[in-house]
Amino acid sequence: MAIKITDDCINCEACEPECPNQAIYAPEEFWKFSDGTTMQDNKERDEGMSDEFFYIATDKCTECIGFHDEPQCAAVCPVDCCLPDEDNVESEADLLIKKEKLHS
């Protein structure tokens, strides 16, 4: 299951540097697979983008599986707005496959 940032976000930026996949973006910032990964895809995308608060690019989120024991964004969030995204459920095996694709 990917993590999402709720509208309780205060834009403190604490989560952004903690993400091993660089999947967290500032409001109105387009995301790319190549940001913080070995993927060479530089196409900017706006899926899931927010114009008000930080957001997580679901296609890049691995819940920190293969890096840490828990999602680092949730661990450092001062307002607990980094929560499991019930609309994007993935198994641990699927998240490990995604991690390998992002960091091969």
PDB file of N, CA and C in Angstrom:
ATOM      1  N   MET A   1       0.846  -1.171   0.000  1.00  0.00           N
ATOM      2  CA  MET A   1       0.000   0.000   0.000  1.00  0.00           C
ATOM      3  C   MET A   1       0.890   1.231   0.000  1.00  0.00           C
ATOM      4  N   ALA A   2       0.679   2.118  -0.891  1.00  0.00           N
ATOM      5  CA  ALA A   2       1.440   3.363  -0.914  1.00  0.00           C
ATOM      6  C   ALA A   2       1.016   4.240   0.259  1.00  0.00           C
ATOM      7  N   ILE A   3       1.807   5.237   0.507  1.00  0.00           N
ATOM      8  CA  ILE A   3       1.493   6.225   1.533  1.00  0.00           C
ATOM      9  C   ILE A   3       0.949   7.460   0.823  1.00  0.00           C
ATOM     10  N   LYS A   4       0.031   8.155   1.472  1.00  0.00           N
ATOM     11  CA  LYS A   4      -0.491   9.416   0.938  1.00  0.00           C
ATOM     12  C   LYS A   4      -0.326  10.496   1.992  1.00  0.00           C
ATOM     13  N   ILE A   5      -0.297  11.711   1.547  1.00  0.00           N
ATOM     14  CA  ILE A   5      -0.236  12.859   2.443  1.00  0.00           C
ATOM     15  C   ILE A   5      -1.615  13.500   2.425  1.00  0.00           C
ATOM     16  N   THR A   6      -2.205  13.640   3.594  1.00  0.00           N
ATOM     17  CA  THR A   6      -3.553  14.193   3.685  1.00  0.00           C
ATOM     18  C   THR A   6      -3.518  15.723   3.666  1.00  0.00           C
ATOM     19  N   ASP A   7      -4.692  16.303   3.581  1.00  0.00           N
ATOM     20  CA  ASP A   7      -4.777  17.767   3.538  1.00  0.00           C
ATOM     21  C   ASP A   7      -4.501  18.417   4.893  1.00  0.00           C
ATOM     22  N   ASP A   8      -4.124  17.615   5.898  1.00  0.00           N
ATOM     23  CA  ASP A   8      -3.679  18.171   7.173  1.00  0.00           C
ATOM     24  C   ASP A   8      -2.223  18.628   7.102  1.00  0.00           C
ATOM     25  N   CYS A   9      -1.557  18.371   5.978  1.00  0.00           N
ATOM     26  CA  CYS A   9      -0.161  18.732   5.791  1.00  0.00           C
ATOM     27  C   CYS A   9       0.053  20.233   6.026  1.00  0.00           C
ATOM     28  N   ILE A  10       1.124  20.550   6.769  1.00  0.00           N
ATOM     29  CA  ILE A  10       1.452  21.950   7.054  1.00  0.00           C
ATOM     30  C   ILE A  10       2.630  22.425   6.204  1.00  0.00           C
ATOM     31  N   ASN A  11       3.030  21.609   5.199  1.00  0.00           N
ATOM     32  CA  ASN A  11       4.122  21.964   4.285  1.00  0.00           C
ATOM     33  C   ASN A  11       5.424  22.272   5.019  1.00  0.00           C
ATOM     34  N   CYS A  12       5.734  21.483   6.028  1.00  0.00           N
ATOM     35  CA  CYS A  12       6.948  21.712   6.808  1.00  0.00           C
ATOM     36  C   CYS A  12       8.192  21.152   6.121  1.00  0.00           C
ATOM     37  N   GLU A  13       8.016  20.302   5.122  1.00  0.00           N
ATOM     38  CA  GLU A  13       9.099  19.708   4.339  1.00  0.00           C
ATOM     39  C   GLU A  13       9.890  18.644   5.086  1.00  0.00           C
ATOM     40  N   ALA A  14       9.467  18.215   6.262  1.00  0.00           N
ATOM     41  CA  ALA A  14      10.214  17.220   7.029  1.00  0.00           C
ATOM     42  C   ALA A  14      10.287  15.880   6.303  1.00  0.00           C
ATOM     43  N   CYS A  15       9.253  15.517   5.598  1.00  0.00           N
ATOM     44  CA  CYS A  15       9.186  14.200   4.946  1.00  0.00           C
ATOM     45  C   CYS A  15      10.026  14.114   3.675  1.00  0.00           C
ATOM     46  N   GLU A  16      10.110  15.173   2.936  1.00  0.00           N
ATOM     47  CA  GLU A  16      10.732  15.149   1.605  1.00  0.00           C
ATOM     48  C   GLU A  16      12.146  14.567   1.591  1.00  0.00           C
ATOM     49  N   PRO A  17      13.064  15.007   2.438  1.00  0.00           N
ATOM     50  CA  PRO A  17      14.428  14.458   2.373  1.00  0.00           C
ATOM     51  C   PRO A  17      14.542  13.025   2.912  1.00  0.00           C
ATOM     52  N   GLU A  18      13.535  12.542   3.580  1.00  0.00           N
ATOM     53  CA  GLU A  18      13.581  11.198   4.173  1.00  0.00           C
ATOM     54  C   GLU A  18      13.236  10.089   3.191  1.00  0.00           C
ATOM     55  N   CYS A  19      12.621  10.413   2.085  1.00  0.00           N
ATOM     56  CA  CYS A  19      12.139   9.405   1.140  1.00  0.00           C
ATOM     57  C   CYS A  19      13.292   8.824   0.315  1.00  0.00           C
ATOM     58  N   PRO A  20      13.532   7.510   0.413  1.00  0.00           N
ATOM     59  CA  PRO A  20      14.632   6.905  -0.346  1.00  0.00           C
ATOM     60  C   PRO A  20      14.371   6.843  -1.853  1.00  0.00           C
ATOM     61  N   ASN A  21      13.140   7.054  -2.262  1.00  0.00           N
ATOM     62  CA  ASN A  21      12.785   7.026  -3.686  1.00  0.00           C
ATOM     63  C   ASN A  21      12.564   8.419  -4.264  1.00  0.00           C
ATOM     64  N   GLN A  22      12.747   9.422  -3.463  1.00  0.00           N
ATOM     65  CA  GLN A  22      12.446  10.802  -3.835  1.00  0.00           C
ATOM     66  C   GLN A  22      11.063  10.877  -4.480  1.00  0.00           C
ATOM     67  N   ALA A  23      10.088  10.293  -3.772  1.00  0.00           N
ATOM     68  CA  ALA A  23       8.711  10.235  -4.262  1.00  0.00           C
ATOM     69  C   ALA A  23       7.846  11.359  -3.706  1.00  0.00           C
ATOM     70  N   ILE A  24       8.396  12.201  -2.844  1.00  0.00           N
ATOM     71  CA  ILE A  24       7.629  13.275  -2.217  1.00  0.00           C
ATOM     72  C   ILE A  24       7.981  14.591  -2.896  1.00  0.00           C
ATOM     73  N   TYR A  25       6.930  15.301  -3.279  1.00  0.00           N
ATOM     74  CA  TYR A  25       7.106  16.542  -4.036  1.00  0.00           C
ATOM     75  C   TYR A  25       6.346  17.697  -3.402  1.00  0.00           C
ATOM     76  N   ALA A  26       6.873  18.885  -3.625  1.00  0.00           N
ATOM     77  CA  ALA A  26       6.246  20.108  -3.131  1.00  0.00           C
ATOM     78  C   ALA A  26       4.982  20.413  -3.949  1.00  0.00           C
ATOM     79  N   PRO A  27       4.099  21.192  -3.374  1.00  0.00           N
ATOM     80  CA  PRO A  27       2.885  21.566  -4.106  1.00  0.00           C
ATOM     81  C   PRO A  27       3.228  22.157  -5.478  1.00  0.00           C
ATOM     82  N   GLU A  28       2.435  21.770  -6.463  1.00  0.00           N
ATOM     83  CA  GLU A  28       2.537  22.252  -7.839  1.00  0.00           C
ATOM     84  C   GLU A  28       3.804  21.811  -8.557  1.00  0.00           C
ATOM     85  N   GLU A  29       4.605  20.939  -7.958  1.00  0.00           N
ATOM     86  CA  GLU A  29       5.813  20.436  -8.603  1.00  0.00           C
ATOM     87  C   GLU A  29       5.495  19.130  -9.320  1.00  0.00           C
ATOM     88  N   PHE A  30       5.850  19.045 -10.590  1.00  0.00           N
ATOM     89  CA  PHE A  30       5.657  17.815 -11.349  1.00  0.00           C
ATOM     90  C   PHE A  30       6.681  16.785 -10.896  1.00  0.00           C
ATOM     91  N   TRP A  31       6.317  15.508 -10.962  1.00  0.00           N
ATOM     92  CA  TRP A  31       7.247  14.447 -10.573  1.00  0.00           C
ATOM     93  C   TRP A  31       7.755  13.696 -11.786  1.00  0.00           C
ATOM     94  N   LYS A  32       8.947  13.065 -11.591  1.00  0.00           N
ATOM     95  CA  LYS A  32       9.577  12.255 -12.641  1.00  0.00           C
ATOM     96  C   LYS A  32      10.124  10.979 -12.005  1.00  0.00           C
ATOM     97  N   PHE A  33      10.081   9.877 -12.752  1.00  0.00           N
ATOM     98  CA  PHE A  33      10.677   8.640 -12.269  1.00  0.00           C
ATOM     99  C   PHE A  33      12.167   8.809 -12.035  1.00  0.00           C
ATOM    100  N   SER A  34      12.847   9.601 -12.846  1.00  0.00           N
ATOM    101  CA  SER A  34      14.302   9.737 -12.757  1.00  0.00           C
ATOM    102  C   SER A  34      14.767  10.497 -11.518  1.00  0.00           C
ATOM    103  N   ASP A  35      13.892  11.204 -10.850  1.00  0.00           N
ATOM    104  CA  ASP A  35      14.279  11.925  -9.633  1.00  0.00           C
ATOM    105  C   ASP A  35      14.615  10.925  -8.527  1.00  0.00           C
ATOM    106  N   GLY A  36      15.879  10.836  -8.150  1.00  0.00           N
ATOM    107  CA  GLY A  36      16.294  10.000  -7.044  1.00  0.00           C
ATOM    108  C   GLY A  36      16.311   8.507  -7.300  1.00  0.00           C
ATOM    109  N   THR A  37      16.196   8.089  -8.550  1.00  0.00           N
ATOM    110  CA  THR A  37      16.224   6.668  -8.893  1.00  0.00           C
ATOM    111  C   THR A  37      17.194   6.456 -10.048  1.00  0.00           C
ATOM    112  N   THR A  38      17.379   5.207 -10.440  1.00  0.00           N
ATOM    113  CA  THR A  38      18.239   4.916 -11.585  1.00  0.00           C
ATOM    114  C   THR A  38      17.456   4.887 -12.889  1.00  0.00           C
ATOM    115  N   MET A  39      16.150   5.086 -12.818  1.00  0.00           N
ATOM    116  CA  MET A  39      15.342   5.102 -14.043  1.00  0.00           C
ATOM    117  C   MET A  39      15.687   6.332 -14.874  1.00  0.00           C
ATOM    118  N   GLN A  40      15.697   6.183 -16.176  1.00  0.00           N
ATOM    119  CA  GLN A  40      16.097   7.267 -17.066  1.00  0.00           C
ATOM    120  C   GLN A  40      14.919   8.047 -17.637  1.00  0.00           C
ATOM    121  N   ASP A  41      13.729   7.807 -17.128  1.00  0.00           N
ATOM    122  CA  ASP A  41      12.529   8.471 -17.628  1.00  0.00           C
ATOM    123  C   ASP A  41      12.449   9.890 -17.055  1.00  0.00           C
ATOM    124  N   ASN A  42      12.644  10.895 -17.895  1.00  0.00           N
ATOM    125  CA  ASN A  42      12.613  12.281 -17.451  1.00  0.00           C
ATOM    126  C   ASN A  42      11.305  12.995 -17.746  1.00  0.00           C
ATOM    127  N   LYS A  43      10.292  12.250 -18.191  1.00  0.00           N
ATOM    128  CA  LYS A  43       9.001  12.858 -18.499  1.00  0.00           C
ATOM    129  C   LYS A  43       8.339  13.353 -17.211  1.00  0.00           C
ATOM    130  N   GLU A  44       7.932  14.615 -17.197  1.00  0.00           N
ATOM    131  CA  GLU A  44       7.235  15.154 -16.035  1.00  0.00           C
ATOM    132  C   GLU A  44       5.803  14.653 -16.025  1.00  0.00           C
ATOM    133  N   ARG A  45       5.300  14.339 -14.808  1.00  0.00           N
ATOM    134  CA  ARG A  45       3.945  13.818 -14.655  1.00  0.00           C
ATOM    135  C   ARG A  45       3.196  14.629 -13.610  1.00  0.00           C
ATOM    136  N   ASP A  46       1.877  14.639 -13.750  1.00  0.00           N
ATOM    137  CA  ASP A  46       1.069  15.367 -12.781  1.00  0.00           C
ATOM    138  C   ASP A  46       0.061  14.485 -12.057  1.00  0.00           C
ATOM    139  N   GLU A  47       0.102  13.144 -12.278  1.00  0.00           N
ATOM    140  CA  GLU A  47      -0.841  12.269 -11.595  1.00  0.00           C
ATOM    141  C   GLU A  47      -0.652  12.389 -10.087  1.00  0.00           C
ATOM    142  N   GLY A  48      -1.732  12.619  -9.377  1.00  0.00           N
ATOM    143  CA  GLY A  48      -1.672  12.709  -7.924  1.00  0.00           C
ATOM    144  C   GLY A  48      -1.146  14.024  -7.409  1.00  0.00           C
ATOM    145  N   MET A  49      -0.822  14.939  -8.292  1.00  0.00           N
ATOM    146  CA  MET A  49      -0.227  16.211  -7.906  1.00  0.00           C
ATOM    147  C   MET A  49      -1.192  17.038  -7.060  1.00  0.00           C
ATOM    148  N   SER A  50      -0.650  17.816  -6.153  1.00  0.00           N
ATOM    149  CA  SER A  50      -1.444  18.708  -5.310  1.00  0.00           C
ATOM    150  C   SER A  50      -0.980  20.138  -5.527  1.00  0.00           C
ATOM    151  N   ASP A  51      -1.897  21.057  -5.471  1.00  0.00           N
ATOM    152  CA  ASP A  51      -1.515  22.461  -5.591  1.00  0.00           C
ATOM    153  C   ASP A  51      -1.541  23.172  -4.239  1.00  0.00           C
ATOM    154  N   GLU A  52      -1.795  22.397  -3.163  1.00  0.00           N
ATOM    155  CA  GLU A  52      -1.889  23.013  -1.836  1.00  0.00           C
ATOM    156  C   GLU A  52      -0.886  22.483  -0.827  1.00  0.00           C
ATOM    157  N   PHE A  53      -0.540  21.183  -0.924  1.00  0.00           N
ATOM    158  CA  PHE A  53       0.342  20.596   0.070  1.00  0.00           C
ATOM    159  C   PHE A  53       1.234  19.540  -0.584  1.00  0.00           C
ATOM    160  N   PHE A  54       2.272  19.135   0.127  1.00  0.00           N
ATOM    161  CA  PHE A  54       3.177  18.109  -0.389  1.00  0.00           C
ATOM    162  C   PHE A  54       2.375  16.869  -0.768  1.00  0.00           C
ATOM    163  N   TYR A  55       2.899  16.115  -1.724  1.00  0.00           N
ATOM    164  CA  TYR A  55       2.215  14.891  -2.144  1.00  0.00           C
ATOM    165  C   TYR A  55       3.243  13.819  -2.461  1.00  0.00           C
ATOM    166  N   ILE A  56       2.777  12.571  -2.495  1.00  0.00           N
ATOM    167  CA  ILE A  56       3.632  11.424  -2.790  1.00  0.00           C
ATOM    168  C   ILE A  56       3.237  10.862  -4.146  1.00  0.00           C
ATOM    169  N   ALA A  57       4.213  10.701  -5.031  1.00  0.00           N
ATOM    170  CA  ALA A  57       3.987  10.057  -6.332  1.00  0.00           C
ATOM    171  C   ALA A  57       3.808   8.562  -6.067  1.00  0.00           C
ATOM    172  N   THR A  58       2.587   8.093  -6.135  1.00  0.00           N
ATOM    173  CA  THR A  58       2.246   6.715  -5.800  1.00  0.00           C
ATOM    174  C   THR A  58       3.088   5.705  -6.570  1.00  0.00           C
ATOM    175  N   ASP A  59       3.365   5.981  -7.836  1.00  0.00           N
ATOM    176  CA  ASP A  59       4.132   5.045  -8.661  1.00  0.00           C
ATOM    177  C   ASP A  59       5.581   4.881  -8.186  1.00  0.00           C
ATOM    178  N   LYS A  60       6.049   5.793  -7.321  1.00  0.00           N
ATOM    179  CA  LYS A  60       7.415   5.708  -6.799  1.00  0.00           C
ATOM    180  C   LYS A  60       7.463   5.277  -5.336  1.00  0.00           C
ATOM    181  N   CYS A  61       6.326   5.244  -4.658  1.00  0.00           N
ATOM    182  CA  CYS A  61       6.299   4.928  -3.231  1.00  0.00           C
ATOM    183  C   CYS A  61       6.392   3.422  -3.010  1.00  0.00           C
ATOM    184  N   THR A  62       7.369   3.020  -2.199  1.00  0.00           N
ATOM    185  CA  THR A  62       7.535   1.608  -1.830  1.00  0.00           C
ATOM    186  C   THR A  62       7.321   1.412  -0.332  1.00  0.00           C
ATOM    187  N   GLU A  63       6.766   2.413   0.334  1.00  0.00           N
ATOM    188  CA  GLU A  63       6.583   2.373   1.788  1.00  0.00           C
ATOM    189  C   GLU A  63       7.908   2.134   2.508  1.00  0.00           C
ATOM    190  N   CYS A  64       8.998   2.468   1.857  1.00  0.00           N
ATOM    191  CA  CYS A  64      10.363   2.292   2.363  1.00  0.00           C
ATOM    192  C   CYS A  64      10.753   0.819   2.499  1.00  0.00           C
ATOM    193  N   ILE A  65       9.962  -0.095   1.922  1.00  0.00           N
ATOM    194  CA  ILE A  65      10.287  -1.523   1.933  1.00  0.00           C
ATOM    195  C   ILE A  65      11.641  -1.705   1.231  1.00  0.00           C
ATOM    196  N   GLY A  66      12.527  -2.463   1.858  1.00  0.00           N
ATOM    197  CA  GLY A  66      13.862  -2.681   1.313  1.00  0.00           C
ATOM    198  C   GLY A  66      14.863  -1.622   1.743  1.00  0.00           C
ATOM    199  N   PHE A  67      14.382  -0.583   2.408  1.00  0.00           N
ATOM    200  CA  PHE A  67      15.256   0.480   2.904  1.00  0.00           C
ATOM    201  C   PHE A  67      15.176   0.608   4.427  1.00  0.00           C
ATOM    202  N   HIS A  68      13.951   0.661   4.950  1.00  0.00           N
ATOM    203  CA  HIS A  68      13.716   0.902   6.371  1.00  0.00           C
ATOM    204  C   HIS A  68      12.599  -0.008   6.874  1.00  0.00           C
ATOM    205  N   ASP A  69      12.459  -0.091   8.186  1.00  0.00           N
ATOM    206  CA  ASP A  69      11.419  -0.923   8.793  1.00  0.00           C
ATOM    207  C   ASP A  69      10.040  -0.283   8.778  1.00  0.00           C
ATOM    208  N   GLU A  70       9.981   1.025   8.537  1.00  0.00           N
ATOM    209  CA  GLU A  70       8.707   1.739   8.493  1.00  0.00           C
ATOM    210  C   GLU A  70       8.825   2.900   7.515  1.00  0.00           C
ATOM    211  N   PRO A  71       7.693   3.378   7.000  1.00  0.00           N
ATOM    212  CA  PRO A  71       7.743   4.536   6.106  1.00  0.00           C
ATOM    213  C   PRO A  71       8.337   5.744   6.829  1.00  0.00           C
ATOM    214  N   GLN A  72       9.409   6.262   6.278  1.00  0.00           N
ATOM    215  CA  GLN A  72      10.111   7.362   6.934  1.00  0.00           C
ATOM    216  C   GLN A  72       9.322   8.664   6.934  1.00  0.00           C
ATOM    217  N   CYS A  73       8.502   8.871   5.921  1.00  0.00           N
ATOM    218  CA  CYS A  73       7.682  10.096   5.901  1.00  0.00           C
ATOM    219  C   CYS A  73       6.752  10.129   7.106  1.00  0.00           C
ATOM    220  N   ALA A  74       6.121   8.990   7.398  1.00  0.00           N
ATOM    221  CA  ALA A  74       5.206   8.901   8.536  1.00  0.00           C
ATOM    222  C   ALA A  74       5.971   9.044   9.856  1.00  0.00           C
ATOM    223  N   ALA A  75       7.176   8.496   9.903  1.00  0.00           N
ATOM    224  CA  ALA A  75       7.972   8.535  11.130  1.00  0.00           C
ATOM    225  C   ALA A  75       8.373   9.956  11.524  1.00  0.00           C
ATOM    226  N   VAL A  76       8.587  10.834  10.535  1.00  0.00           N
ATOM    227  CA  VAL A  76       9.052  12.192  10.854  1.00  0.00           C
ATOM    228  C   VAL A  76       7.958  13.250  10.786  1.00  0.00           C
ATOM    229  N   CYS A  77       6.787  12.912  10.317  1.00  0.00           N
ATOM    230  CA  CYS A  77       5.715  13.897  10.145  1.00  0.00           C
ATOM    231  C   CYS A  77       5.223  14.416  11.498  1.00  0.00           C
ATOM    232  N   PRO A  78       5.301  15.733  11.730  1.00  0.00           N
ATOM    233  CA  PRO A  78       4.889  16.279  13.021  1.00  0.00           C
ATOM    234  C   PRO A  78       3.372  16.336  13.216  1.00  0.00           C
ATOM    235  N   VAL A  79       2.603  16.191  12.138  1.00  0.00           N
ATOM    236  CA  VAL A  79       1.135  16.263  12.267  1.00  0.00           C
ATOM    237  C   VAL A  79       0.449  14.964  11.861  1.00  0.00           C
ATOM    238  N   ASP A  80       1.230  13.902  11.675  1.00  0.00           N
ATOM    239  CA  ASP A  80       0.687  12.580  11.333  1.00  0.00           C
ATOM    240  C   ASP A  80      -0.242  12.604  10.125  1.00  0.00           C
ATOM    241  N   CYS A  81       0.209  13.240   9.056  1.00  0.00           N
ATOM    242  CA  CYS A  81      -0.621  13.301   7.845  1.00  0.00           C
ATOM    243  C   CYS A  81      -0.137  12.356   6.747  1.00  0.00           C
ATOM    244  N   CYS A  82       0.888  11.557   7.015  1.00  0.00           N
ATOM    245  CA  CYS A  82       1.360  10.549   6.066  1.00  0.00           C
ATOM    246  C   CYS A  82       0.745   9.213   6.466  1.00  0.00           C
ATOM    247  N   LEU A  83      -0.265   8.816   5.708  1.00  0.00           N
ATOM    248  CA  LEU A  83      -1.072   7.645   6.075  1.00  0.00           C
ATOM    249  C   LEU A  83      -1.127   6.638   4.934  1.00  0.00           C
ATOM    250  N   PRO A  84      -1.440   5.376   5.240  1.00  0.00           N
ATOM    251  CA  PRO A  84      -1.617   4.381   4.176  1.00  0.00           C
ATOM    252  C   PRO A  84      -2.716   4.809   3.201  1.00  0.00           C
ATOM    253  N   ASP A  85      -2.463   4.610   1.927  1.00  0.00           N
ATOM    254  CA  ASP A  85      -3.410   4.965   0.875  1.00  0.00           C
ATOM    255  C   ASP A  85      -4.239   3.733   0.518  1.00  0.00           C
ATOM    256  N   GLU A  86      -5.449   3.670   1.035  1.00  0.00           N
ATOM    257  CA  GLU A  86      -6.316   2.515   0.826  1.00  0.00           C
ATOM    258  C   GLU A  86      -6.668   2.293  -0.641  1.00  0.00           C
ATOM    259  N   ASP A  87      -6.504   3.286  -1.468  1.00  0.00           N
ATOM    260  CA  ASP A  87      -6.800   3.173  -2.897  1.00  0.00           C
ATOM    261  C   ASP A  87      -5.632   2.581  -3.682  1.00  0.00           C
ATOM    262  N   ASN A  88      -4.489   2.404  -3.044  1.00  0.00           N
ATOM    263  CA  ASN A  88      -3.290   1.889  -3.718  1.00  0.00           C
ATOM    264  C   ASN A  88      -2.615   0.824  -2.853  1.00  0.00           C
ATOM    265  N   VAL A  89      -3.258  -0.318  -2.776  1.00  0.00           N
ATOM    266  CA  VAL A  89      -2.767  -1.414  -1.950  1.00  0.00           C
ATOM    267  C   VAL A  89      -1.841  -2.312  -2.772  1.00  0.00           C
ATOM    268  N   GLU A  90      -0.638  -2.583  -2.233  1.00  0.00           N
ATOM    269  CA  GLU A  90       0.334  -3.456  -2.879  1.00  0.00           C
ATOM    270  C   GLU A  90       0.921  -4.388  -1.824  1.00  0.00           C
ATOM    271  N   SER A  91       1.242  -5.596  -2.225  1.00  0.00           N
ATOM    272  CA  SER A  91       1.859  -6.545  -1.302  1.00  0.00           C
ATOM    273  C   SER A  91       3.320  -6.157  -1.079  1.00  0.00           C
ATOM    274  N   GLU A  92       3.920  -6.735  -0.044  1.00  0.00           N
ATOM    275  CA  GLU A  92       5.338  -6.489   0.213  1.00  0.00           C
ATOM    276  C   GLU A  92       6.173  -6.958  -0.974  1.00  0.00           C
ATOM    277  N   ALA A  93       5.789  -8.092  -1.563  1.00  0.00           N
ATOM    278  CA  ALA A  93       6.518  -8.606  -2.734  1.00  0.00           C
ATOM    279  C   ALA A  93       6.442  -7.625  -3.895  1.00  0.00           C
ATOM    280  N   ASP A  94       5.256  -7.054  -4.124  1.00  0.00           N
ATOM    281  CA  ASP A  94       5.103  -6.068  -5.203  1.00  0.00           C
ATOM    282  C   ASP A  94       5.925  -4.815  -4.926  1.00  0.00           C
ATOM    283  N   LEU A  95       5.977  -4.398  -3.666  1.00  0.00           N
ATOM    284  CA  LEU A  95       6.759  -3.215  -3.312  1.00  0.00           C
ATOM    285  C   LEU A  95       8.249  -3.464  -3.495  1.00  0.00           C
ATOM    286  N   LEU A  96       8.707  -4.675  -3.195  1.00  0.00           N
ATOM    287  CA  LEU A  96      10.116  -5.006  -3.439  1.00  0.00           C
ATOM    288  C   LEU A  96      10.454  -5.023  -4.924  1.00  0.00           C
ATOM    289  N   ILE A  97       9.530  -5.505  -5.734  1.00  0.00           N
ATOM    290  CA  ILE A  97       9.723  -5.475  -7.195  1.00  0.00           C
ATOM    291  C   ILE A  97       9.799  -4.029  -7.677  1.00  0.00           C
ATOM    292  N   LYS A  98       8.915  -3.193  -7.165  1.00  0.00           N
ATOM    293  CA  LYS A  98       8.921  -1.768  -7.543  1.00  0.00           C
ATOM    294  C   LYS A  98      10.254  -1.126  -7.133  1.00  0.00           C
ATOM    295  N   LYS A  99      10.733  -1.443  -5.926  1.00  0.00           N
ATOM    296  CA  LYS A  99      12.007  -0.905  -5.463  1.00  0.00           C
ATOM    297  C   LYS A  99      13.132  -1.289  -6.424  1.00  0.00           C
ATOM    298  N   GLU A 100      13.150  -2.553  -6.832  1.00  0.00           N
ATOM    299  CA  GLU A 100      14.194  -3.022  -7.753  1.00  0.00           C
ATOM    300  C   GLU A 100      14.112  -2.301  -9.100  1.00  0.00           C
ATOM    301  N   LYS A 101      12.923  -2.038  -9.587  1.00  0.00           N
ATOM    302  CA  LYS A 101      12.767  -1.311 -10.855  1.00  0.00           C
ATOM    303  C   LYS A 101      13.277   0.120 -10.722  1.00  0.00           C
ATOM    304  N   LEU A 102      13.033   0.721  -9.579  1.00  0.00           N
ATOM    305  CA  LEU A 102      13.453   2.113  -9.366  1.00  0.00           C
ATOM    306  C   LEU A 102      14.952   2.243  -9.125  1.00  0.00           C
ATOM    307  N   HIS A 103      15.564   1.191  -8.570  1.00  0.00           N
ATOM    308  CA  HIS A 103      16.969   1.274  -8.164  1.00  0.00           C
ATOM    309  C   HIS A 103      17.794   0.105  -8.677  1.00  0.00           C
ATOM    310  N   SER A 104      17.593  -0.258  -9.950  1.00  0.00           N
ATOM    311  CA  SER A 104      18.352  -1.392 -10.491  1.00  0.00           C
ATOM    312  C   SER A 104      19.770  -1.003 -10.855  1.00  0.00           C
TER     313      SER A 104
END
